[in-house]
Amino acid sequence: MAPKALGFVTPLVVLLSVAVFFVSPVRAEENTALKDEIAKLQDEIRAKKEEVAKVEEKIGTVKKSIERKQVEALSLKNQMSILEERLEAVRLDIQATRGEIETVELELKQLRLEIEEKNKHIARHKEMLSELIRTIQRESDRNYLELLLSNNSFSEFFSEVQYLQEVYSDVGAQAKTLRLV
């Protein structure tokens, strides 16, 4: 190469060297500023990710709490339902018991009326039996000869004897009835 060309290259090399010397620190400063900016952004990203992780952890905790409370609510709802059913069973039991009490009271009333009726029936039969016994007593004091003489005819005598037999038979029937009552 010629010296003239050499003279042109030297200033170019010098100029390039100077440019690299001055540009390199600017680029180095720009690189440092960029690296710092990137580091800050990475720190912010990491902080945000940690924040999001904490929030997601809290979300998980809240979801578990909600599930627990839903189970508790179902359990409480079931318990309330069971208690309501037990209360209804007690109400129905009380109603049934009242019905049974009313039935027993009606049966007692019926029994009292039946006892009263039987007592009246017994009193009537006792009165009839007493009357029959008095009649027998009166007639038993008389013998057959007295009966025959006290009647005007033989047919009246037989009617009187038949009457006495019916009285004796009625006394037996009344006595049986009283024993059955």
Protein backbone atom coordinates (compact mmCIF):
# COMPACT_ATOMS: atom_id res chain seq x y z
CA MET A 1 0.00 0.00 0.00
CA ALA A 2 1.07 3.41 -0.57
CA PRO A 3 2.19 5.85 2.03
CA LYS A 4 -0.65 8.07 1.20
CA ALA A 5 -3.04 5.30 1.93
CA LEU A 6 -1.19 4.52 5.04
CA GLY A 7 -1.59 8.07 6.23
CA PHE A 8 -5.32 7.81 5.79
CA VAL A 9 -5.63 4.52 7.66
CA THR A 10 -3.72 5.68 10.67
CA PRO A 11 -6.06 8.51 11.52
CA LEU A 12 -8.94 6.12 10.96
CA VAL A 13 -7.45 3.61 13.34
CA VAL A 14 -6.83 6.36 15.85
CA LEU A 15 -10.36 7.61 15.42
CA LEU A 16 -11.76 4.16 15.84
CA SER A 17 -9.66 3.58 18.89
CA VAL A 18 -10.82 6.81 20.42
CA ALA A 19 -14.43 5.99 19.52
CA VAL A 20 -14.16 2.55 21.08
CA PHE A 21 -12.54 4.06 24.14
CA PHE A 22 -15.34 6.62 24.57
CA VAL A 23 -18.22 4.46 23.34
CA SER A 24 -17.25 1.46 25.44
CA PRO A 25 -17.78 3.27 28.74
CA VAL A 26 -21.15 4.63 27.51
CA ARG A 27 -22.17 1.16 26.49
CA ALA A 28 -20.84 -0.21 29.71
CA GLU A 29 -22.86 2.40 31.59
CA GLU A 30 -25.89 1.59 29.45
CA ASN A 31 -25.34 -2.14 30.12
CA THR A 32 -25.05 -1.51 33.84
CA ALA A 33 -28.20 0.62 33.85
CA LEU A 34 -30.01 -2.05 31.82
CA LYS A 35 -28.73 -4.81 34.07
CA ASP A 36 -29.85 -2.82 37.11
CA GLU A 37 -33.27 -2.23 35.51
CA ILE A 38 -33.55 -5.94 34.65
CA ALA A 39 -32.47 -6.90 38.18
CA LYS A 40 -35.09 -4.54 39.64
CA LEU A 41 -37.76 -5.98 37.36
CA GLN A 42 -36.70 -9.51 38.29
CA ASP A 43 -36.91 -8.57 41.98
CA GLU A 44 -40.37 -7.05 41.41
CA ILE A 45 -41.45 -10.13 39.44
CA ARG A 46 -40.16 -12.39 42.22
CA ALA A 47 -41.95 -10.24 44.83
CA LYS A 48 -45.17 -10.32 42.81
CA LYS A 49 -44.89 -14.09 42.36
CA GLU A 50 -44.39 -14.50 46.11
CA GLU A 51 -47.35 -12.20 46.73
CA VAL A 52 -49.47 -14.19 44.26
CA ALA A 53 -48.32 -17.45 45.92
CA LYS A 54 -49.31 -16.09 49.34
CA VAL A 55 -52.68 -14.97 47.97
CA GLU A 56 -53.19 -18.38 46.32
CA GLU A 57 -52.26 -20.01 49.63
CA LYS A 58 -54.83 -17.80 51.37
CA ILE A 59 -57.37 -18.71 48.66
CA GLY A 60 -56.68 -22.40 49.35
CA THR A 61 -57.11 -21.83 53.08
CA VAL A 62 -60.35 -19.89 52.51
CA LYS A 63 -61.65 -22.57 50.13
CA LYS A 64 -60.91 -25.26 52.72
CA SER A 65 -62.61 -23.14 55.37
CA ILE A 66 -65.62 -22.72 53.07
CA GLU A 67 -65.76 -26.48 52.47
CA ARG A 68 -65.50 -27.12 56.21
CA LYS A 69 -68.22 -24.61 56.91
CA GLN A 70 -70.40 -26.10 54.18
CA VAL A 71 -69.95 -29.51 55.77
CA GLU A 72 -70.67 -27.98 59.17
CA ALA A 73 -73.70 -26.20 57.71
CA LEU A 74 -74.93 -29.47 56.23
CA SER A 75 -74.26 -31.15 59.53
CA LEU A 76 -76.09 -28.39 61.41
CA LYS A 77 -78.88 -28.50 58.86
CA ASN A 78 -79.12 -32.26 59.34
CA GLN A 79 -79.08 -31.82 63.10
CA MET A 80 -81.83 -29.20 62.82
CA SER A 81 -83.81 -31.52 60.60
CA ILE A 82 -83.35 -34.38 63.06
CA LEU A 83 -84.38 -32.14 65.96
CA GLU A 84 -87.45 -30.95 64.04
CA GLU A 85 -88.41 -34.56 63.29
CA ARG A 86 -87.95 -35.51 66.94
CA LEU A 87 -90.07 -32.54 67.96
CA GLU A 88 -92.78 -33.61 65.51
CA ALA A 89 -92.57 -37.18 66.88
CA VAL A 90 -93.02 -35.85 70.42
CA ARG A 91 -95.99 -33.72 69.29
CA LEU A 92 -97.58 -36.74 67.64
CA ASP A 93 -96.84 -38.85 70.72
CA ILE A 94 -98.56 -36.23 72.89
CA GLN A 95 -101.51 -36.17 70.49
CA ALA A 96 -101.73 -39.98 70.58
CA THR A 97 -101.50 -39.99 74.38
CA ARG A 98 -104.28 -37.40 74.61
CA GLY A 99 -106.38 -39.54 72.29
CA GLU A 100 -105.72 -42.59 74.46
CA ILE A 101 -106.62 -40.62 77.60
CA GLU A 102 -109.87 -39.45 75.99
CA THR A 103 -110.62 -43.04 74.95
CA VAL A 104 -109.99 -44.32 78.48
CA GLU A 105 -112.19 -41.54 79.91
CA LEU A 106 -114.99 -42.52 77.51
CA GLU A 107 -114.54 -46.20 78.42
CA LEU A 108 -114.71 -45.27 82.12
CA LYS A 109 -117.89 -43.30 81.50
CA GLN A 110 -119.32 -46.28 79.62
CA LEU A 111 -118.34 -48.63 82.44
CA ARG A 112 -119.94 -46.32 85.04
CA LEU A 113 -123.16 -46.29 83.03
CA GLU A 114 -123.05 -50.06 82.63
CA ILE A 115 -122.41 -50.48 86.37
CA GLU A 116 -125.28 -48.12 87.13
CA GLU A 117 -127.52 -50.10 84.77
CA LYS A 118 -126.44 -53.41 86.35
CA ASN A 119 -127.04 -52.00 89.84
CA LYS A 120 -130.54 -50.94 88.82
CA HIS A 121 -131.09 -54.35 87.26
CA ILE A 122 -129.85 -56.05 90.46
CA ALA A 123 -132.07 -53.80 92.58
CA ARG A 124 -135.12 -54.74 90.45
CA HIS A 125 -134.27 -58.43 90.67
CA LYS A 126 -133.73 -58.16 94.43
CA GLU A 127 -137.09 -56.45 94.80
CA MET A 128 -138.78 -59.13 92.69
CA LEU A 129 -136.98 -61.87 94.59
CA SER A 130 -137.96 -60.28 97.90
CA GLU A 131 -141.58 -60.15 96.79
CA LEU A 132 -141.45 -63.76 95.65
CA ILE A 133 -139.85 -64.86 98.90
CA ARG A 134 -142.58 -63.01 100.88
CA THR A 135 -145.21 -64.68 98.76
CA ILE A 136 -143.62 -68.08 99.33
CA GLN A 137 -143.38 -67.38 103.04
CA ARG A 138 -147.02 -66.41 103.20
CA GLU A 139 -148.11 -69.41 101.16
CA SER A 140 -145.77 -71.89 102.82
CA ASP A 141 -147.42 -71.26 106.14
CA ARG A 142 -150.56 -72.72 104.65
CA ASN A 143 -150.70 -76.38 103.97
CA TYR A 144 -152.52 -78.11 101.13
CA LEU A 145 -155.61 -78.72 103.21
CA GLU A 146 -155.91 -75.01 103.97
CA LEU A 147 -155.48 -74.24 100.34
CA LEU A 148 -158.16 -76.70 99.35
CA LEU A 149 -160.59 -75.36 101.91
CA SER A 150 -159.86 -71.71 101.16
CA ASN A 151 -160.78 -72.11 97.50
CA ASN A 152 -164.33 -72.45 96.27
CA SER A 153 -163.56 -75.10 93.72
CA PHE A 154 -161.11 -77.78 92.96
CA SER A 155 -159.93 -75.89 89.83
CA GLU A 156 -159.14 -72.81 91.93
CA PHE A 157 -157.08 -75.08 94.19
CA PHE A 158 -155.09 -76.38 91.23
CA SER A 159 -154.64 -72.83 89.92
CA GLU A 160 -153.28 -71.80 93.32
CA VAL A 161 -150.87 -74.78 93.38
CA GLN A 162 -149.74 -73.96 89.84
CA TYR A 163 -149.21 -70.35 90.88
CA LEU A 164 -147.02 -71.47 93.79
CA GLN A 165 -144.98 -73.70 91.49
CA GLU A 166 -144.44 -70.73 89.13
CA VAL A 167 -143.38 -68.59 92.09
CA TYR A 168 -140.85 -71.22 93.17
CA SER A 169 -139.60 -71.47 89.60
CA ASP A 170 -139.35 -67.64 89.34
CA VAL A 171 -137.38 -67.53 92.61
CA GLY A 172 -134.88 -70.01 91.15
CA ALA A 173 -134.61 -68.05 87.90
CA GLN A 174 -134.17 -64.75 89.76
CA ALA A 175 -131.49 -66.29 91.99
CA LYS A 176 -129.63 -67.55 88.89
CA THR A 177 -129.88 -64.12 87.26
CA LEU A 178 -128.51 -62.41 90.34
CA ARG A 179 -125.57 -64.83 90.47
CA LEU A 180 -124.77 -64.17 86.79
CA VAL A 181 -124.91 -60.39 87.23
